[in-house]
C-alpha cells in the first residue's frame, strides 16, 4: 500500500515537471527511470516525438560489467553509456528530467556520470 502511494505521488510530480520541461532538437530531454532492479535513461526529442538514444542497466552490452542493475554503480555505468551514445549522435546539451524522483543516490550518480562524460545540462 505504501509503495503504491509513493509511486502515485512520484507520477504526480513527474506530470507537474513535464508541463515545464520539454526537449527540442537543439536541447533534447534526458529522461531517467529508476526501477527497483534496474535504471534506464533516454534522450528524447519531444518536438518530433523521437528517442535519440537509450541506455539501461539490463542492456546486453552492460550486463557483463554490472553485478546488479539497481545500485549506484550501475547508475554510473548507465550515465557513461548514455553520454557516449549522445556524443555519437552529436548531442552535447540536454535538459534533465529526473522523472519525479529525488535528485539523490542513483539519479544523482547517473547525472554526474553523464556530465563527466561530456553532456551539459
C-alpha atoms as a PDB file:
ATOM      1  CA  UNK A   1       0.000   0.000   0.000  1.00  0.00           C
ATOM      2  CA  UNK A   2       2.770   2.425   0.956  1.00  0.00           C
ATOM      3  CA  UNK A   3       4.701   1.702  -2.264  1.00  0.00           C
ATOM      4  CA  UNK A   4       1.611   2.404  -4.382  1.00  0.00           C
ATOM      5  CA  UNK A   5       1.113   5.739  -2.647  1.00  0.00           C
ATOM      6  CA  UNK A   6       4.751   6.703  -3.195  1.00  0.00           C
ATOM      7  CA  UNK A   7       4.560   5.828  -6.896  1.00  0.00           C
ATOM      8  CA  UNK A   8       1.320   7.805  -7.240  1.00  0.00           C
ATOM      9  CA  UNK A   9       2.990  10.855  -5.714  1.00  0.00           C
ATOM     10  CA  UNK A  10       6.029  10.409  -7.970  1.00  0.00           C
ATOM     11  CA  UNK A  11       3.853  10.219 -11.071  1.00  0.00           C
ATOM     12  CA  UNK A  12       2.040  13.368  -9.961  1.00  0.00           C
ATOM     13  CA  UNK A  13       5.380  15.183  -9.513  1.00  0.00           C
ATOM     14  CA  UNK A  14       6.560  13.932 -12.904  1.00  0.00           C
ATOM     15  CA  UNK A  15       3.415  15.223 -14.609  1.00  0.00           C
ATOM     16  CA  UNK A  16       3.979  18.611 -12.993  1.00  0.00           C
ATOM     17  CA  UNK A  17       7.605  18.655 -14.138  1.00  0.00           C
ATOM     18  CA  UNK A  18       6.671  17.617 -17.693  1.00  0.00           C
ATOM     19  CA  UNK A  19       4.466  20.697 -18.055  1.00  0.00           C
ATOM     20  CA  UNK A  20       7.601  22.821 -17.929  1.00  0.00           C
ATOM     21  CA  UNK A  21      10.393  20.579 -19.255  1.00  0.00           C
ATOM     22  CA  UNK A  22      10.372  19.760 -22.958  1.00  0.00           C
ATOM     23  CA  UNK A  23      13.108  18.586 -25.260  1.00  0.00           C
ATOM     24  CA  UNK A  24      13.848  20.178 -28.607  1.00  0.00           C
ATOM     25  CA  UNK A  25      16.139  19.260 -31.469  1.00  0.00           C
ATOM     26  CA  UNK A  26      18.785  21.625 -30.057  1.00  0.00           C
ATOM     27  CA  UNK A  27      18.401  20.527 -26.406  1.00  0.00           C
ATOM     28  CA  UNK A  28      16.685  17.152 -26.116  1.00  0.00           C
ATOM     29  CA  UNK A  29      15.405  15.813 -22.803  1.00  0.00           C
ATOM     30  CA  UNK A  30      17.414  13.299 -20.754  1.00  0.00           C
ATOM     31  CA  UNK A  31      14.811  11.118 -19.027  1.00  0.00           C
ATOM     32  CA  UNK A  32      15.648   8.883 -16.065  1.00  0.00           C
ATOM     33  CA  UNK A  33      13.536   5.983 -14.860  1.00  0.00           C
ATOM     34  CA  UNK A  34      14.596   4.279 -11.648  1.00  0.00           C
ATOM     35  CA  UNK A  35      13.205   0.821 -11.013  1.00  0.00           C
ATOM     36  CA  UNK A  36      13.880  -1.462  -8.085  1.00  0.00           C
ATOM     37  CA  UNK A  37      16.223  -3.732 -10.055  1.00  0.00           C
ATOM     38  CA  UNK A  38      17.293  -1.529 -12.985  1.00  0.00           C
ATOM     39  CA  UNK A  39      17.810   2.063 -14.098  1.00  0.00           C
ATOM     40  CA  UNK A  40      17.213   3.459 -17.580  1.00  0.00           C
ATOM     41  CA  UNK A  41      17.998   6.694 -19.369  1.00  0.00           C
ATOM     42  CA  UNK A  42      16.698   8.052 -22.675  1.00  0.00           C
ATOM     43  CA  UNK A  43      17.410  11.140 -24.718  1.00  0.00           C
ATOM     44  CA  UNK A  44      14.151  12.291 -26.294  1.00  0.00           C
ATOM     45  CA  UNK A  45      13.323  14.982 -28.858  1.00  0.00           C
ATOM     46  CA  UNK A  46       9.770  15.952 -27.854  1.00  0.00           C
ATOM     47  CA  UNK A  47       9.169  18.173 -30.874  1.00  0.00           C
ATOM     48  CA  UNK A  48       9.477  15.155 -33.197  1.00  0.00           C
ATOM     49  CA  UNK A  49       8.456  12.530 -30.649  1.00  0.00           C
ATOM     50  CA  UNK A  50      11.641  10.520 -31.252  1.00  0.00           C
ATOM     51  CA  UNK A  51      14.001   8.733 -28.887  1.00  0.00           C
ATOM     52  CA  UNK A  52      17.523   9.671 -29.961  1.00  0.00           C
ATOM     53  CA  UNK A  53      19.456   7.355 -27.631  1.00  0.00           C
ATOM     54  CA  UNK A  54      18.690   4.956 -24.797  1.00  0.00           C
ATOM     55  CA  UNK A  55      20.738   3.065 -22.222  1.00  0.00           C
ATOM     56  CA  UNK A  56      19.674   0.723 -19.448  1.00  0.00           C
ATOM     57  CA  UNK A  57      21.325  -1.437 -16.834  1.00  0.00           C
ATOM     58  CA  UNK A  58      19.761  -4.521 -18.425  1.00  0.00           C
ATOM     59  CA  UNK A  59      21.258  -3.906 -21.897  1.00  0.00           C
ATOM     60  CA  UNK A  60      23.223  -6.814 -23.338  1.00  0.00           C
ATOM     61  CA  UNK A  61      26.477  -4.852 -23.625  1.00  0.00           C
ATOM     62  CA  UNK A  62      26.306  -3.693 -19.976  1.00  0.00           C
ATOM     63  CA  UNK A  63      25.346  -6.998 -18.357  1.00  0.00           C
ATOM     64  CA  UNK A  64      28.927  -8.254 -18.188  1.00  0.00           C
ATOM     65  CA  UNK A  65      30.113  -5.061 -16.486  1.00  0.00           C
ATOM     66  CA  UNK A  66      27.405  -4.957 -13.816  1.00  0.00           C
ATOM     67  CA  UNK A  67      26.904  -7.227 -10.849  1.00  0.00           C
ATOM     68  CA  UNK A  68      23.462  -5.782 -10.061  1.00  0.00           C
ATOM     69  CA  UNK A  69      21.414  -3.259 -12.049  1.00  0.00           C
ATOM     70  CA  UNK A  70      19.719  -1.408  -9.194  1.00  0.00           C
ATOM     71  CA  UNK A  71      22.583   0.293  -7.393  1.00  0.00           C
ATOM     72  CA  UNK A  72      24.709   3.450  -7.670  1.00  0.00           C
ATOM     73  CA  UNK A  73      27.481   1.672  -9.573  1.00  0.00           C
ATOM     74  CA  UNK A  74      25.009   0.609 -12.262  1.00  0.00           C
ATOM     75  CA  UNK A  75      23.676   4.168 -12.469  1.00  0.00           C
ATOM     76  CA  UNK A  76      27.194   5.479 -13.084  1.00  0.00           C
ATOM     77  CA  UNK A  77      27.755   2.993 -15.906  1.00  0.00           C
ATOM     78  CA  UNK A  78      24.396   3.864 -17.492  1.00  0.00           C
ATOM     79  CA  UNK A  79      25.259   7.581 -17.233  1.00  0.00           C
ATOM     80  CA  UNK A  80      28.559   6.987 -19.016  1.00  0.00           C
ATOM     81  CA  UNK A  81      26.832   4.903 -21.692  1.00  0.00           C
ATOM     82  CA  UNK A  82      24.104   7.464 -22.403  1.00  0.00           C
ATOM     83  CA  UNK A  83      26.727  10.220 -22.719  1.00  0.00           C
ATOM     84  CA  UNK A  84      28.717   8.143 -25.220  1.00  0.00           C
ATOM     85  CA  UNK A  85      25.586   7.403 -27.258  1.00  0.00           C
ATOM     86  CA  UNK A  86      24.638  11.088 -27.204  1.00  0.00           C
ATOM     87  CA  UNK A  87      28.079  12.113 -28.444  1.00  0.00           C
ATOM     88  CA  UNK A  88      27.763   9.603 -31.281  1.00  0.00           C
ATOM     89  CA  UNK A  89      24.506  11.324 -32.300  1.00  0.00           C
ATOM     90  CA  UNK A  90      26.198  14.760 -31.903  1.00  0.00           C
ATOM     91  CA  UNK A  91      24.116  15.789 -28.881  1.00  0.00           C
ATOM     92  CA  UNK A  92      26.046  17.801 -26.299  1.00  0.00           C
ATOM     93  CA  UNK A  93      23.372  19.775 -24.424  1.00  0.00           C
ATOM     94  CA  UNK A  94      20.313  18.247 -22.808  1.00  0.00           C
ATOM     95  CA  UNK A  95      17.516  19.178 -20.414  1.00  0.00           C
ATOM     96  CA  UNK A  96      17.470  16.882 -17.374  1.00  0.00           C
ATOM     97  CA  UNK A  97      14.159  15.232 -16.479  1.00  0.00           C
ATOM     98  CA  UNK A  98      14.548  13.353 -13.213  1.00  0.00           C
ATOM     99  CA  UNK A  99      11.153  11.691 -13.589  1.00  0.00           C
ATOM    100  CA  UNK A 100       9.738  12.879 -10.274  1.00  0.00           C
ATOM    101  CA  UNK A 101      12.497  11.147  -8.323  1.00  0.00           C
ATOM    102  CA  UNK A 102      14.532  12.973  -5.697  1.00  0.00           C
ATOM    103  CA  UNK A 103      17.886  14.182  -7.028  1.00  0.00           C
ATOM    104  CA  UNK A 104      19.850  11.862  -4.769  1.00  0.00           C
ATOM    105  CA  UNK A 105      21.549   8.483  -4.912  1.00  0.00           C
ATOM    106  CA  UNK A 106      21.163   6.680  -8.221  1.00  0.00           C
ATOM    107  CA  UNK A 107      19.609   9.632 -10.068  1.00  0.00           C
ATOM    108  CA  UNK A 108      22.436  11.931  -8.972  1.00  0.00           C
ATOM    109  CA  UNK A 109      25.076   9.307  -9.828  1.00  0.00           C
ATOM    110  CA  UNK A 110      23.674   8.918 -13.344  1.00  0.00           C
ATOM    111  CA  UNK A 111      23.577  12.696 -13.870  1.00  0.00           C
ATOM    112  CA  UNK A 112      27.123  13.186 -12.562  1.00  0.00           C
ATOM    113  CA  UNK A 113      28.496  10.394 -14.756  1.00  0.00           C
ATOM    114  CA  UNK A 114      26.755  11.868 -17.811  1.00  0.00           C
ATOM    115  CA  UNK A 115      28.233  15.300 -17.023  1.00  0.00           C
ATOM    116  CA  UNK A 116      31.736  13.884 -16.588  1.00  0.00           C
ATOM    117  CA  UNK A 117      31.496  12.227 -20.000  1.00  0.00           C
ATOM    118  CA  UNK A 118      30.561  15.378 -21.904  1.00  0.00           C
ATOM    119  CA  UNK A 119      26.844  16.092 -21.558  1.00  0.00           C
ATOM    120  CA  UNK A 120      25.903  19.604 -20.481  1.00  0.00           C
ATOM    121  CA  UNK A 121      22.740  20.353 -18.506  1.00  0.00           C
END
